[in-house]
Amino acid sequence: MKNVFALAAICMGLTFIASAQNANPNPDKSPKTVTADSTTLPPTPPEPEWSGAVYLLSGGKLVPLESQRPQVDTKVKALGFGGGTMAFVYQGPASSTRSTTTEFVVRLGPGENPAAVILLSPLQQQKGARRLLVQKVGGLAGGLKSSAPNSNGLDVNFSKYGTNSVKIVPATPLPPGEYAFRTASGITYLFGVDDTK
């Protein structure tokens, strides 16, 4: 009978030790906590709220440009026999938006080609206003030949900016003066470049 009780006690002891080992297979080591690596994404650059509006990019911030719809000024010579001109006229001799940097941002619609909807042109200051010559017709003696000055605008480079926008940078530095971004919407965005000296 004593042997039976001793055998039962040994079995119970072995069962207790096995249960303890299964509960913590590494009793001398603390459980390890595994955490997923966190990746820090670069900040999203600011983008215009509305499509088609051109902004100056200065110090990482978007600065609204002066905007106007142009007035059309048509002039003819000798009742048209001497030729004529048509120009866009913008109020004021100089833009209220001044800068020494020339990086700009415009938000586009899906699939829009920026070269088809944005045109950068220099303006002439004349009689307290800014003018852009867009059409010129020669006189009758010259065969009424027509030309479209500034139809191609200045060369610019476009690059992706943010999710839905494009950065615009002139291909060559702009000299001091007055400039205009003409857009497909008919609204012109104006700015002036100041001398850095």
N, C-alpha and C. Protein backbone atom coordinates (compact mmCIF):
# COMPACT_ATOMS: atom_id res chain seq x y z
N MET A 1 0.84 -1.21 0.00
CA MET A 1 0.00 0.00 0.00
C MET A 1 0.87 1.25 0.00
N LYS A 2 1.97 1.27 0.80
CA LYS A 2 2.85 2.43 0.83
C LYS A 2 3.48 2.68 -0.52
N ASN A 3 3.78 1.59 -1.22
CA ASN A 3 4.37 1.77 -2.57
C ASN A 3 3.39 2.43 -3.54
N VAL A 4 2.13 2.11 -3.37
CA VAL A 4 1.09 2.71 -4.25
C VAL A 4 1.01 4.20 -4.01
N PHE A 5 0.99 4.61 -2.69
CA PHE A 5 0.93 6.05 -2.38
C PHE A 5 2.18 6.77 -2.87
N ALA A 6 3.33 6.17 -2.76
CA ALA A 6 4.58 6.80 -3.20
C ALA A 6 4.57 6.98 -4.70
N LEU A 7 4.08 5.97 -5.42
CA LEU A 7 4.02 6.08 -6.88
C LEU A 7 3.05 7.18 -7.33
N ALA A 8 1.93 7.29 -6.63
CA ALA A 8 0.94 8.34 -6.96
C ALA A 8 1.52 9.71 -6.71
N ALA A 9 2.28 9.87 -5.61
CA ALA A 9 2.90 11.17 -5.31
C ALA A 9 3.91 11.55 -6.37
N ILE A 10 4.69 10.61 -6.85
CA ILE A 10 5.70 10.89 -7.89
C ILE A 10 5.00 11.33 -9.18
N CYS A 11 3.94 10.66 -9.54
CA CYS A 11 3.20 11.03 -10.77
C CYS A 11 2.64 12.43 -10.69
N MET A 12 2.07 12.78 -9.49
CA MET A 12 1.50 14.12 -9.33
C MET A 12 2.60 15.17 -9.43
N GLY A 13 3.77 14.89 -8.87
CA GLY A 13 4.89 15.84 -8.94
C GLY A 13 5.35 16.06 -10.35
N LEU A 14 5.47 14.98 -11.11
CA LEU A 14 5.90 15.11 -12.51
C LEU A 14 4.89 15.92 -13.33
N THR A 15 3.62 15.69 -13.06
CA THR A 15 2.57 16.44 -13.77
C THR A 15 2.64 17.93 -13.47
N PHE A 16 2.89 18.30 -12.20
CA PHE A 16 3.00 19.71 -11.80
C PHE A 16 4.18 20.39 -12.48
N ILE A 17 5.34 19.68 -12.54
CA ILE A 17 6.54 20.26 -13.17
C ILE A 17 6.32 20.46 -14.65
N ALA A 18 5.69 19.49 -15.33
CA ALA A 18 5.42 19.62 -16.77
C ALA A 18 4.50 20.80 -17.06
N SER A 19 3.47 20.98 -16.19
CA SER A 19 2.53 22.09 -16.38
C SER A 19 3.24 23.42 -16.22
N ALA A 20 4.14 23.52 -15.23
CA ALA A 20 4.87 24.76 -15.00
C ALA A 20 5.78 25.09 -16.16
N GLN A 21 6.42 24.08 -16.74
CA GLN A 21 7.32 24.32 -17.86
C GLN A 21 6.56 24.75 -19.12
N ASN A 22 5.37 24.19 -19.32
CA ASN A 22 4.57 24.58 -20.48
C ASN A 22 4.05 26.00 -20.34
N ALA A 23 3.81 26.42 -19.10
CA ALA A 23 3.31 27.78 -18.88
C ALA A 23 4.38 28.81 -19.20
N ASN A 24 5.64 28.50 -18.95
CA ASN A 24 6.75 29.43 -19.23
C ASN A 24 7.97 28.62 -19.63
N PRO A 25 8.14 28.37 -20.93
CA PRO A 25 9.24 27.52 -21.36
C PRO A 25 10.59 28.11 -21.08
N ASN A 26 10.71 29.42 -20.86
CA ASN A 26 11.97 30.08 -20.53
C ASN A 26 11.81 30.82 -19.22
N PRO A 27 11.86 30.13 -18.11
CA PRO A 27 11.56 30.77 -16.82
C PRO A 27 12.60 31.79 -16.43
N ASP A 28 13.80 31.72 -17.01
CA ASP A 28 14.84 32.67 -16.62
C ASP A 28 14.86 33.91 -17.50
N LYS A 29 14.00 33.96 -18.55
CA LYS A 29 14.00 35.09 -19.48
C LYS A 29 12.62 35.73 -19.50
N SER A 30 12.60 37.06 -19.58
CA SER A 30 11.33 37.79 -19.65
C SER A 30 10.75 37.66 -21.06
N PRO A 31 9.44 37.62 -21.19
CA PRO A 31 8.82 37.53 -22.52
C PRO A 31 9.21 38.75 -23.36
N LYS A 32 9.47 38.54 -24.66
CA LYS A 32 9.86 39.63 -25.56
C LYS A 32 8.63 40.21 -26.24
N THR A 33 8.60 41.51 -26.31
CA THR A 33 7.51 42.20 -26.99
C THR A 33 8.00 42.64 -28.37
N VAL A 34 7.33 42.24 -29.43
CA VAL A 34 7.71 42.58 -30.80
C VAL A 34 6.84 43.72 -31.27
N THR A 35 7.46 44.79 -31.71
CA THR A 35 6.73 45.95 -32.23
C THR A 35 7.12 46.16 -33.68
N ALA A 36 6.15 46.58 -34.47
CA ALA A 36 6.41 46.83 -35.90
C ALA A 36 7.21 48.12 -36.05
N ASP A 37 8.13 48.12 -37.01
CA ASP A 37 8.92 49.32 -37.28
C ASP A 37 8.01 50.41 -37.82
N SER A 38 8.18 51.60 -37.30
CA SER A 38 7.38 52.75 -37.76
C SER A 38 8.19 53.52 -38.80
N THR A 39 7.56 53.81 -39.94
CA THR A 39 8.21 54.55 -41.02
C THR A 39 7.67 55.96 -41.06
N THR A 40 8.54 56.95 -41.00
CA THR A 40 8.13 58.34 -41.04
C THR A 40 8.04 58.81 -42.49
N LEU A 41 6.84 59.18 -42.91
CA LEU A 41 6.64 59.64 -44.28
C LEU A 41 7.03 61.10 -44.40
N PRO A 42 7.58 61.51 -45.55
CA PRO A 42 7.92 62.92 -45.73
C PRO A 42 6.66 63.77 -45.73
N PRO A 43 6.75 65.00 -45.26
CA PRO A 43 5.56 65.87 -45.23
C PRO A 43 5.04 66.14 -46.63
N THR A 44 3.73 66.20 -46.75
CA THR A 44 3.11 66.49 -48.04
C THR A 44 3.23 67.98 -48.35
N PRO A 45 3.75 68.35 -49.53
CA PRO A 45 3.89 69.78 -49.84
C PRO A 45 2.52 70.44 -50.00
N PRO A 46 2.44 71.73 -49.71
CA PRO A 46 1.15 72.42 -49.84
C PRO A 46 0.74 72.51 -51.31
N GLU A 47 -0.55 72.33 -51.56
CA GLU A 47 -1.08 72.42 -52.92
C GLU A 47 -2.24 73.40 -52.97
N PRO A 48 -2.44 74.06 -54.13
CA PRO A 48 -3.58 74.97 -54.26
C PRO A 48 -4.90 74.23 -54.04
N GLU A 49 -5.87 74.94 -53.55
CA GLU A 49 -7.18 74.33 -53.30
C GLU A 49 -7.96 74.14 -54.59
N TRP A 50 -7.82 75.11 -55.51
CA TRP A 50 -8.63 75.09 -56.72
C TRP A 50 -7.77 74.85 -57.96
N SER A 51 -8.33 74.15 -58.92
CA SER A 51 -7.64 73.85 -60.16
C SER A 51 -7.50 75.10 -61.02
N GLY A 52 -6.31 75.26 -61.64
CA GLY A 52 -6.09 76.36 -62.58
C GLY A 52 -5.51 77.62 -61.98
N ALA A 53 -5.54 77.76 -60.67
CA ALA A 53 -5.00 78.95 -60.01
C ALA A 53 -3.50 78.80 -59.83
N VAL A 54 -2.73 79.84 -60.24
CA VAL A 54 -1.28 79.79 -60.17
C VAL A 54 -0.82 80.51 -58.90
N TYR A 55 0.10 79.89 -58.17
CA TYR A 55 0.64 80.44 -56.93
C TYR A 55 2.16 80.56 -57.03
N LEU A 56 2.70 81.56 -56.37
CA LEU A 56 4.14 81.68 -56.19
C LEU A 56 4.57 80.76 -55.07
N LEU A 57 5.65 80.00 -55.29
CA LEU A 57 6.20 79.13 -54.26
C LEU A 57 7.40 79.83 -53.63
N SER A 58 7.24 80.25 -52.39
CA SER A 58 8.28 81.02 -51.70
C SER A 58 8.49 80.47 -50.30
N GLY A 59 9.70 79.99 -50.02
CA GLY A 59 9.99 79.45 -48.70
C GLY A 59 9.12 78.27 -48.32
N GLY A 60 8.73 77.47 -49.29
CA GLY A 60 7.89 76.31 -49.02
C GLY A 60 6.42 76.64 -48.83
N LYS A 61 6.04 77.90 -49.01
CA LYS A 61 4.65 78.33 -48.85
C LYS A 61 4.10 78.84 -50.18
N LEU A 62 2.78 78.72 -50.34
CA LEU A 62 2.12 79.19 -51.54
C LEU A 62 1.60 80.61 -51.33
N VAL A 63 1.99 81.51 -52.24
CA VAL A 63 1.59 82.91 -52.17
C VAL A 63 0.67 83.20 -53.35
N PRO A 64 -0.58 83.67 -53.12
CA PRO A 64 -1.48 83.94 -54.23
C PRO A 64 -0.93 85.05 -55.14
N LEU A 65 -1.11 84.89 -56.43
CA LEU A 65 -0.73 85.92 -57.39
C LEU A 65 -1.90 86.86 -57.64
N GLU A 66 -1.58 88.07 -58.04
CA GLU A 66 -2.61 89.00 -58.48
C GLU A 66 -3.33 88.39 -59.68
N SER A 67 -4.64 88.52 -59.73
CA SER A 67 -5.39 87.95 -60.85
C SER A 67 -6.32 88.99 -61.46
N GLN A 68 -6.41 88.96 -62.78
CA GLN A 68 -7.29 89.86 -63.52
C GLN A 68 -7.79 89.17 -64.78
N ARG A 69 -8.92 89.64 -65.28
CA ARG A 69 -9.35 89.31 -66.64
C ARG A 69 -8.95 90.49 -67.52
N PRO A 70 -8.27 90.25 -68.63
CA PRO A 70 -7.75 91.37 -69.41
C PRO A 70 -8.84 92.13 -70.15
N GLN A 71 -8.57 93.40 -70.38
CA GLN A 71 -9.38 94.22 -71.28
C GLN A 71 -8.74 94.12 -72.66
N VAL A 72 -9.55 94.07 -73.70
CA VAL A 72 -9.04 93.96 -75.07
C VAL A 72 -8.98 95.35 -75.68
N ASP A 73 -7.81 95.72 -76.15
CA ASP A 73 -7.59 97.03 -76.76
C ASP A 73 -7.23 96.82 -78.24
N THR A 74 -8.11 97.29 -79.13
CA THR A 74 -7.90 97.14 -80.57
C THR A 74 -7.65 98.51 -81.20
N LYS A 75 -6.60 98.58 -82.00
CA LYS A 75 -6.26 99.83 -82.67
C LYS A 75 -6.08 99.56 -84.16
N VAL A 76 -6.64 100.46 -84.99
CA VAL A 76 -6.49 100.33 -86.44
C VAL A 76 -5.95 101.64 -87.00
N LYS A 77 -5.28 101.53 -88.13
CA LYS A 77 -4.72 102.70 -88.81
C LYS A 77 -5.42 102.88 -90.15
N ALA A 78 -5.77 104.11 -90.44
CA ALA A 78 -6.40 104.45 -91.73
C ALA A 78 -7.60 103.55 -92.02
N LEU A 79 -8.49 103.50 -91.05
CA LEU A 79 -9.71 102.71 -91.16
C LEU A 79 -9.43 101.22 -91.42
N GLY A 80 -8.28 100.78 -90.99
CA GLY A 80 -7.94 99.37 -91.16
C GLY A 80 -7.04 99.10 -92.34
N PHE A 81 -6.97 100.05 -93.31
CA PHE A 81 -6.11 99.84 -94.48
C PHE A 81 -4.63 99.91 -94.11
N GLY A 82 -4.35 100.59 -93.01
CA GLY A 82 -2.96 100.70 -92.57
C GLY A 82 -2.57 99.64 -91.55
N GLY A 83 -3.43 98.67 -91.36
CA GLY A 83 -3.14 97.60 -90.40
C GLY A 83 -3.71 97.91 -89.03
N GLY A 84 -3.39 97.08 -88.08
CA GLY A 84 -3.89 97.28 -86.72
C GLY A 84 -3.28 96.31 -85.73
N THR A 85 -3.61 96.52 -84.49
CA THR A 85 -3.09 95.66 -83.43
C THR A 85 -4.19 95.34 -82.43
N MET A 86 -4.03 94.24 -81.73
CA MET A 86 -4.91 93.89 -80.61
C MET A 86 -4.03 93.51 -79.43
N ALA A 87 -4.36 94.04 -78.27
CA ALA A 87 -3.55 93.79 -77.08
C ALA A 87 -4.45 93.51 -75.89
N PHE A 88 -3.93 92.74 -74.94
CA PHE A 88 -4.57 92.57 -73.65
C PHE A 88 -4.00 93.63 -72.71
N VAL A 89 -4.88 94.27 -71.97
CA VAL A 89 -4.46 95.35 -71.07
C VAL A 89 -4.86 94.98 -69.65
N TYR A 90 -3.91 95.15 -68.72
CA TYR A 90 -4.15 94.86 -67.31
C TYR A 90 -3.99 96.15 -66.51
N GLN A 91 -4.91 96.36 -65.59
CA GLN A 91 -4.92 97.59 -64.81
C GLN A 91 -3.70 97.67 -63.89
N GLY A 92 -3.18 98.90 -63.76
CA GLY A 92 -2.06 99.14 -62.86
C GLY A 92 -0.73 99.01 -63.57
N PRO A 93 0.24 99.86 -63.22
CA PRO A 93 1.55 99.84 -63.88
C PRO A 93 2.42 98.67 -63.44
N ALA A 94 2.14 98.09 -62.27
CA ALA A 94 2.96 96.99 -61.76
C ALA A 94 2.12 96.09 -60.87
N SER A 95 2.51 94.84 -60.78
CA SER A 95 1.77 93.88 -59.98
C SER A 95 1.99 94.12 -58.49
N SER A 96 0.99 93.79 -57.72
CA SER A 96 1.12 93.87 -56.26
C SER A 96 1.90 92.67 -55.71
N THR A 97 2.05 91.62 -56.52
CA THR A 97 2.82 90.44 -56.12
C THR A 97 4.24 90.59 -56.63
N ARG A 98 5.20 90.77 -55.73
CA ARG A 98 6.61 90.97 -56.10
C ARG A 98 7.44 89.79 -55.59
N SER A 99 8.49 89.46 -56.35
CA SER A 99 9.33 88.36 -55.92
C SER A 99 10.69 88.43 -56.60
N THR A 100 11.66 87.83 -55.95
CA THR A 100 12.97 87.65 -56.56
C THR A 100 13.19 86.18 -56.92
N THR A 101 12.24 85.31 -56.54
CA THR A 101 12.29 83.90 -56.90
C THR A 101 11.23 83.63 -57.95
N THR A 102 11.44 82.62 -58.76
CA THR A 102 10.51 82.35 -59.85
C THR A 102 10.15 80.87 -59.92
N GLU A 103 9.59 80.36 -58.84
CA GLU A 103 9.02 79.02 -58.82
C GLU A 103 7.53 79.16 -58.53
N PHE A 104 6.72 78.43 -59.30
CA PHE A 104 5.28 78.57 -59.19
C PHE A 104 4.64 77.18 -59.16
N VAL A 105 3.41 77.15 -58.65
CA VAL A 105 2.67 75.89 -58.55
C VAL A 105 1.26 76.11 -59.06
N VAL A 106 0.75 75.15 -59.84
CA VAL A 106 -0.63 75.18 -60.29
C VAL A 106 -1.23 73.79 -60.13
N ARG A 107 -2.46 73.76 -59.67
CA ARG A 107 -3.18 72.49 -59.53
C ARG A 107 -3.91 72.20 -60.85
N LEU A 108 -3.83 70.96 -61.32
CA LEU A 108 -4.45 70.59 -62.58
C LEU A 108 -5.53 69.55 -62.38
N GLY A 109 -6.42 69.47 -63.36
CA GLY A 109 -7.43 68.43 -63.34
C GLY A 109 -6.84 67.12 -63.84
N PRO A 110 -7.53 66.01 -63.66
CA PRO A 110 -7.02 64.70 -64.09
C PRO A 110 -6.68 64.69 -65.58
N GLY A 111 -5.46 64.30 -65.91
CA GLY A 111 -5.06 64.16 -67.31
C GLY A 111 -4.74 65.45 -68.04
N GLU A 112 -4.78 66.59 -67.36
CA GLU A 112 -4.51 67.86 -68.04
C GLU A 112 -3.02 68.03 -68.33
N ASN A 113 -2.72 68.55 -69.51
CA ASN A 113 -1.36 68.85 -69.91
C ASN A 113 -1.06 70.30 -69.55
N PRO A 114 -0.11 70.56 -68.65
CA PRO A 114 0.12 71.96 -68.23
C PRO A 114 0.54 72.87 -69.37
N ALA A 115 1.26 72.33 -70.36
CA ALA A 115 1.69 73.15 -71.49
C ALA A 115 0.52 73.62 -72.34
N ALA A 116 -0.62 72.95 -72.24
CA ALA A 116 -1.80 73.32 -73.02
C ALA A 116 -2.70 74.32 -72.32
N VAL A 117 -2.49 74.53 -71.02
CA VAL A 117 -3.41 75.40 -70.27
C VAL A 117 -2.71 76.57 -69.57
N ILE A 118 -1.37 76.60 -69.61
CA ILE A 118 -0.60 77.65 -68.93
C ILE A 118 0.39 78.26 -69.91
N LEU A 119 0.41 79.60 -69.97
CA LEU A 119 1.33 80.30 -70.86
C LEU A 119 1.92 81.50 -70.12
N LEU A 120 3.25 81.56 -70.06
CA LEU A 120 3.94 82.66 -69.38
C LEU A 120 4.42 83.68 -70.41
N SER A 121 4.08 84.96 -70.19
CA SER A 121 4.43 86.01 -71.14
C SER A 121 4.94 87.25 -70.42
N PRO A 122 5.88 87.98 -71.04
CA PRO A 122 6.33 89.26 -70.47
C PRO A 122 5.34 90.37 -70.85
N LEU A 123 5.22 91.35 -70.00
CA LEU A 123 4.31 92.47 -70.24
C LEU A 123 5.11 93.77 -70.45
N GLN A 124 4.46 94.68 -71.19
CA GLN A 124 5.04 96.00 -71.41
C GLN A 124 4.29 97.02 -70.56
N GLN A 125 5.03 97.85 -69.84
CA GLN A 125 4.40 98.91 -69.04
C GLN A 125 4.22 100.14 -69.92
N GLN A 126 2.97 100.58 -70.00
CA GLN A 126 2.65 101.69 -70.90
C GLN A 126 1.43 102.45 -70.39
N LYS A 127 1.59 103.75 -70.23
CA LYS A 127 0.49 104.64 -69.85
C LYS A 127 -0.22 104.15 -68.58
N GLY A 128 0.55 103.80 -67.57
CA GLY A 128 -0.03 103.42 -66.29
C GLY A 128 -0.71 102.06 -66.27
N ALA A 129 -0.43 101.24 -67.29
CA ALA A 129 -1.04 99.90 -67.36
C ALA A 129 0.01 98.91 -67.87
N ARG A 130 -0.39 97.66 -67.89
CA ARG A 130 0.48 96.61 -68.44
C ARG A 130 -0.20 96.04 -69.67
N ARG A 131 0.58 95.87 -70.75
CA ARG A 131 0.01 95.45 -72.03
C ARG A 131 0.72 94.20 -72.55
N LEU A 132 -0.06 93.39 -73.28
CA LEU A 132 0.47 92.22 -73.96
C LEU A 132 -0.07 92.22 -75.38
N LEU A 133 0.80 92.42 -76.35
CA LEU A 133 0.41 92.41 -77.76
C LEU A 133 0.14 90.98 -78.19
N VAL A 134 -1.07 90.73 -78.69
CA VAL A 134 -1.45 89.36 -79.05
C VAL A 134 -1.74 89.19 -80.54
N GLN A 135 -2.00 90.31 -81.26
CA GLN A 135 -2.29 90.21 -82.69
C GLN A 135 -1.82 91.46 -83.40
N LYS A 136 -1.19 91.25 -84.56
CA LYS A 136 -0.72 92.38 -85.35
C LYS A 136 -1.01 92.10 -86.82
N VAL A 137 -1.66 93.06 -87.49
CA VAL A 137 -2.02 92.91 -88.90
C VAL A 137 -1.38 94.03 -89.69
N GLY A 138 -0.67 93.65 -90.76
CA GLY A 138 -0.02 94.64 -91.60
C GLY A 138 -1.01 95.40 -92.47
N GLY A 139 -0.52 96.48 -93.09
CA GLY A 139 -1.37 97.29 -93.94
C GLY A 139 -1.69 96.63 -95.27
N LEU A 140 -2.58 97.28 -96.03
CA LEU A 140 -3.01 96.76 -97.32
C LEU A 140 -1.83 96.62 -98.27
N ALA A 141 -0.90 97.56 -98.20
CA ALA A 141 0.27 97.51 -99.09
C ALA A 141 1.14 96.30 -98.81
N GLY A 142 1.12 95.82 -97.60
CA GLY A 142 1.94 94.67 -97.23
C GLY A 142 1.20 93.36 -97.32
N GLY A 143 0.00 93.39 -97.90
CA GLY A 143 -0.76 92.16 -98.07
C GLY A 143 -1.55 91.73 -96.86
N LEU A 144 -1.74 92.65 -95.91
CA LEU A 144 -2.53 92.36 -94.70
C LEU A 144 -2.02 91.11 -93.97
N LYS A 145 -0.71 91.00 -93.92
CA LYS A 145 -0.13 89.86 -93.24
C LYS A 145 -0.38 89.95 -91.74
N SER A 146 -0.73 88.81 -91.16
CA SER A 146 -1.06 88.77 -89.73
C SER A 146 -0.01 87.97 -88.97
N SER A 147 0.27 88.42 -87.76
CA SER A 147 1.19 87.70 -86.88
C SER A 147 0.63 87.71 -85.47
N ALA A 148 1.09 86.76 -84.68
CA ALA A 148 0.60 86.65 -83.30
C ALA A 148 1.79 86.67 -82.35
N PRO A 149 2.28 87.85 -82.01
CA PRO A 149 3.40 87.94 -81.05
C PRO A 149 2.99 87.33 -79.70
N ASN A 150 3.94 86.74 -79.05
CA ASN A 150 3.73 86.17 -77.70
C ASN A 150 2.78 84.98 -77.69
N SER A 151 2.51 84.40 -78.87
CA SER A 151 1.56 83.27 -78.90
C SER A 151 2.13 82.03 -78.25
N ASN A 152 3.45 81.89 -78.27
CA ASN A 152 4.08 80.71 -77.68
C ASN A 152 4.51 80.92 -76.24
N GLY A 153 4.65 82.17 -75.83
CA GLY A 153 5.07 82.46 -74.47
C GLY A 153 6.54 82.12 -74.24
N LEU A 154 6.97 82.24 -73.01
CA LEU A 154 8.34 81.93 -72.62
C LEU A 154 8.50 80.45 -72.32
N ASP A 155 9.70 79.94 -72.51
CA ASP A 155 9.96 78.53 -72.22
C ASP A 155 9.96 78.30 -70.71
N VAL A 156 9.25 77.26 -70.29
CA VAL A 156 9.21 76.89 -68.88
C VAL A 156 9.37 75.38 -68.75
N ASN A 157 9.76 74.96 -67.56
CA ASN A 157 9.87 73.53 -67.25
C ASN A 157 8.79 73.15 -66.25
N PHE A 158 8.13 72.03 -66.51
CA PHE A 158 7.10 71.52 -65.62
C PHE A 158 7.61 70.27 -64.92
N SER A 159 7.27 70.12 -63.64
CA SER A 159 7.61 68.92 -62.89
C SER A 159 6.50 68.62 -61.90
N LYS A 160 6.36 67.34 -61.54
CA LYS A 160 5.32 66.90 -60.62
C LYS A 160 5.53 67.54 -59.25
N TYR A 161 4.42 67.99 -58.63
CA TYR A 161 4.50 68.61 -57.31
C TYR A 161 3.31 68.13 -56.49
N GLY A 162 3.60 67.40 -55.42
CA GLY A 162 2.51 66.89 -54.59
C GLY A 162 1.71 65.83 -55.32
N THR A 163 0.42 65.78 -55.03
CA THR A 163 -0.44 64.75 -55.60
C THR A 163 -1.11 65.17 -56.89
N ASN A 164 -1.60 66.41 -56.93
CA ASN A 164 -2.41 66.86 -58.07
C ASN A 164 -1.89 68.13 -58.73
N SER A 165 -0.67 68.52 -58.41
CA SER A 165 -0.18 69.81 -58.89
C SER A 165 1.12 69.66 -59.68
N VAL A 166 1.51 70.79 -60.29
CA VAL A 166 2.72 70.86 -61.10
C VAL A 166 3.51 72.10 -60.70
N LYS A 167 4.84 71.93 -60.62
CA LYS A 167 5.71 73.09 -60.38
C LYS A 167 6.15 73.67 -61.72
N ILE A 168 6.15 75.00 -61.80
CA ILE A 168 6.53 75.70 -63.02
C ILE A 168 7.78 76.52 -62.74
N VAL A 169 8.82 76.31 -63.53
CA VAL A 169 10.07 77.05 -63.38
C VAL A 169 10.50 77.55 -64.76
N PRO A 170 10.71 78.85 -64.95
CA PRO A 170 11.18 79.35 -66.24
C PRO A 170 12.48 78.66 -66.64
N ALA A 171 12.62 78.38 -67.95
CA ALA A 171 13.81 77.68 -68.45
C ALA A 171 15.07 78.52 -68.27
N THR A 172 14.93 79.84 -68.31
CA THR A 172 16.05 80.75 -68.06
C THR A 172 15.59 81.80 -67.05
N PRO A 173 16.52 82.35 -66.26
CA PRO A 173 16.13 83.35 -65.26
C PRO A 173 15.39 84.53 -65.89
N LEU A 174 14.35 84.99 -65.20
CA LEU A 174 13.57 86.12 -65.70
C LEU A 174 14.23 87.43 -65.29
N PRO A 175 14.44 88.33 -66.23
CA PRO A 175 14.96 89.65 -65.86
C PRO A 175 13.90 90.45 -65.13
N PRO A 176 14.28 91.49 -64.41
CA PRO A 176 13.29 92.32 -63.72
C PRO A 176 12.24 92.83 -64.69
N GLY A 177 11.00 92.81 -64.25
CA GLY A 177 9.91 93.27 -65.11
C GLY A 177 8.58 92.71 -64.66
N GLU A 178 7.57 92.88 -65.53
CA GLU A 178 6.21 92.43 -65.25
C GLU A 178 5.88 91.23 -66.13
N TYR A 179 5.16 90.26 -65.53
CA TYR A 179 4.88 89.01 -66.23
C TYR A 179 3.45 88.56 -65.99
N ALA A 180 2.98 87.65 -66.86
CA ALA A 180 1.61 87.15 -66.75
C ALA A 180 1.55 85.67 -67.10
N PHE A 181 0.80 84.93 -66.29
CA PHE A 181 0.44 83.56 -66.62
C PHE A 181 -0.98 83.59 -67.19
N ARG A 182 -1.10 83.34 -68.49
CA ARG A 182 -2.43 83.23 -69.08
C ARG A 182 -2.91 81.79 -68.97
N THR A 183 -4.18 81.61 -68.61
CA THR A 183 -4.72 80.27 -68.40
C THR A 183 -5.92 80.03 -69.30
N ALA A 184 -6.26 78.76 -69.45
CA ALA A 184 -7.38 78.38 -70.31
C ALA A 184 -8.70 78.92 -69.79
N SER A 185 -8.77 79.26 -68.52
CA SER A 185 -10.02 79.77 -67.94
C SER A 185 -10.29 81.22 -68.31
N GLY A 186 -9.28 81.91 -68.90
CA GLY A 186 -9.43 83.32 -69.23
C GLY A 186 -8.93 84.24 -68.14
N ILE A 187 -8.61 83.70 -66.99
CA ILE A 187 -8.05 84.50 -65.89
C ILE A 187 -6.54 84.55 -66.04
N THR A 188 -5.97 85.74 -65.87
CA THR A 188 -4.53 85.92 -65.95
C THR A 188 -3.97 86.14 -64.55
N TYR A 189 -2.86 85.47 -64.25
CA TYR A 189 -2.21 85.61 -62.95
C TYR A 189 -0.91 86.40 -63.16
N LEU A 190 -0.79 87.49 -62.41
CA LEU A 190 0.24 88.49 -62.66
C LEU A 190 1.24 88.56 -61.52
N PHE A 191 2.49 88.87 -61.88
CA PHE A 191 3.53 89.06 -60.86
C PHE A 191 4.64 89.90 -61.46
N GLY A 192 5.47 90.43 -60.57
CA GLY A 192 6.62 91.21 -60.99
C GLY A 192 7.89 90.66 -60.39
N VAL A 193 8.97 90.72 -61.16
CA VAL A 193 10.28 90.26 -60.69
C VAL A 193 11.12 91.49 -60.38
N ASP A 194 11.61 91.57 -59.16
CA ASP A 194 12.43 92.71 -58.74
C ASP A 194 13.90 92.42 -58.93
N ASP A 195 14.67 93.48 -59.08
CA ASP A 195 16.11 93.36 -59.21
C ASP A 195 16.70 92.95 -57.87
N THR A 196 17.59 91.95 -57.88
CA THR A 196 18.17 91.47 -56.63
C THR A 196 19.37 92.33 -56.19
N LYS A 197 19.82 93.24 -57.02
CA LYS A 197 20.97 94.08 -56.66
C LYS A 197 20.55 95.18 -55.71
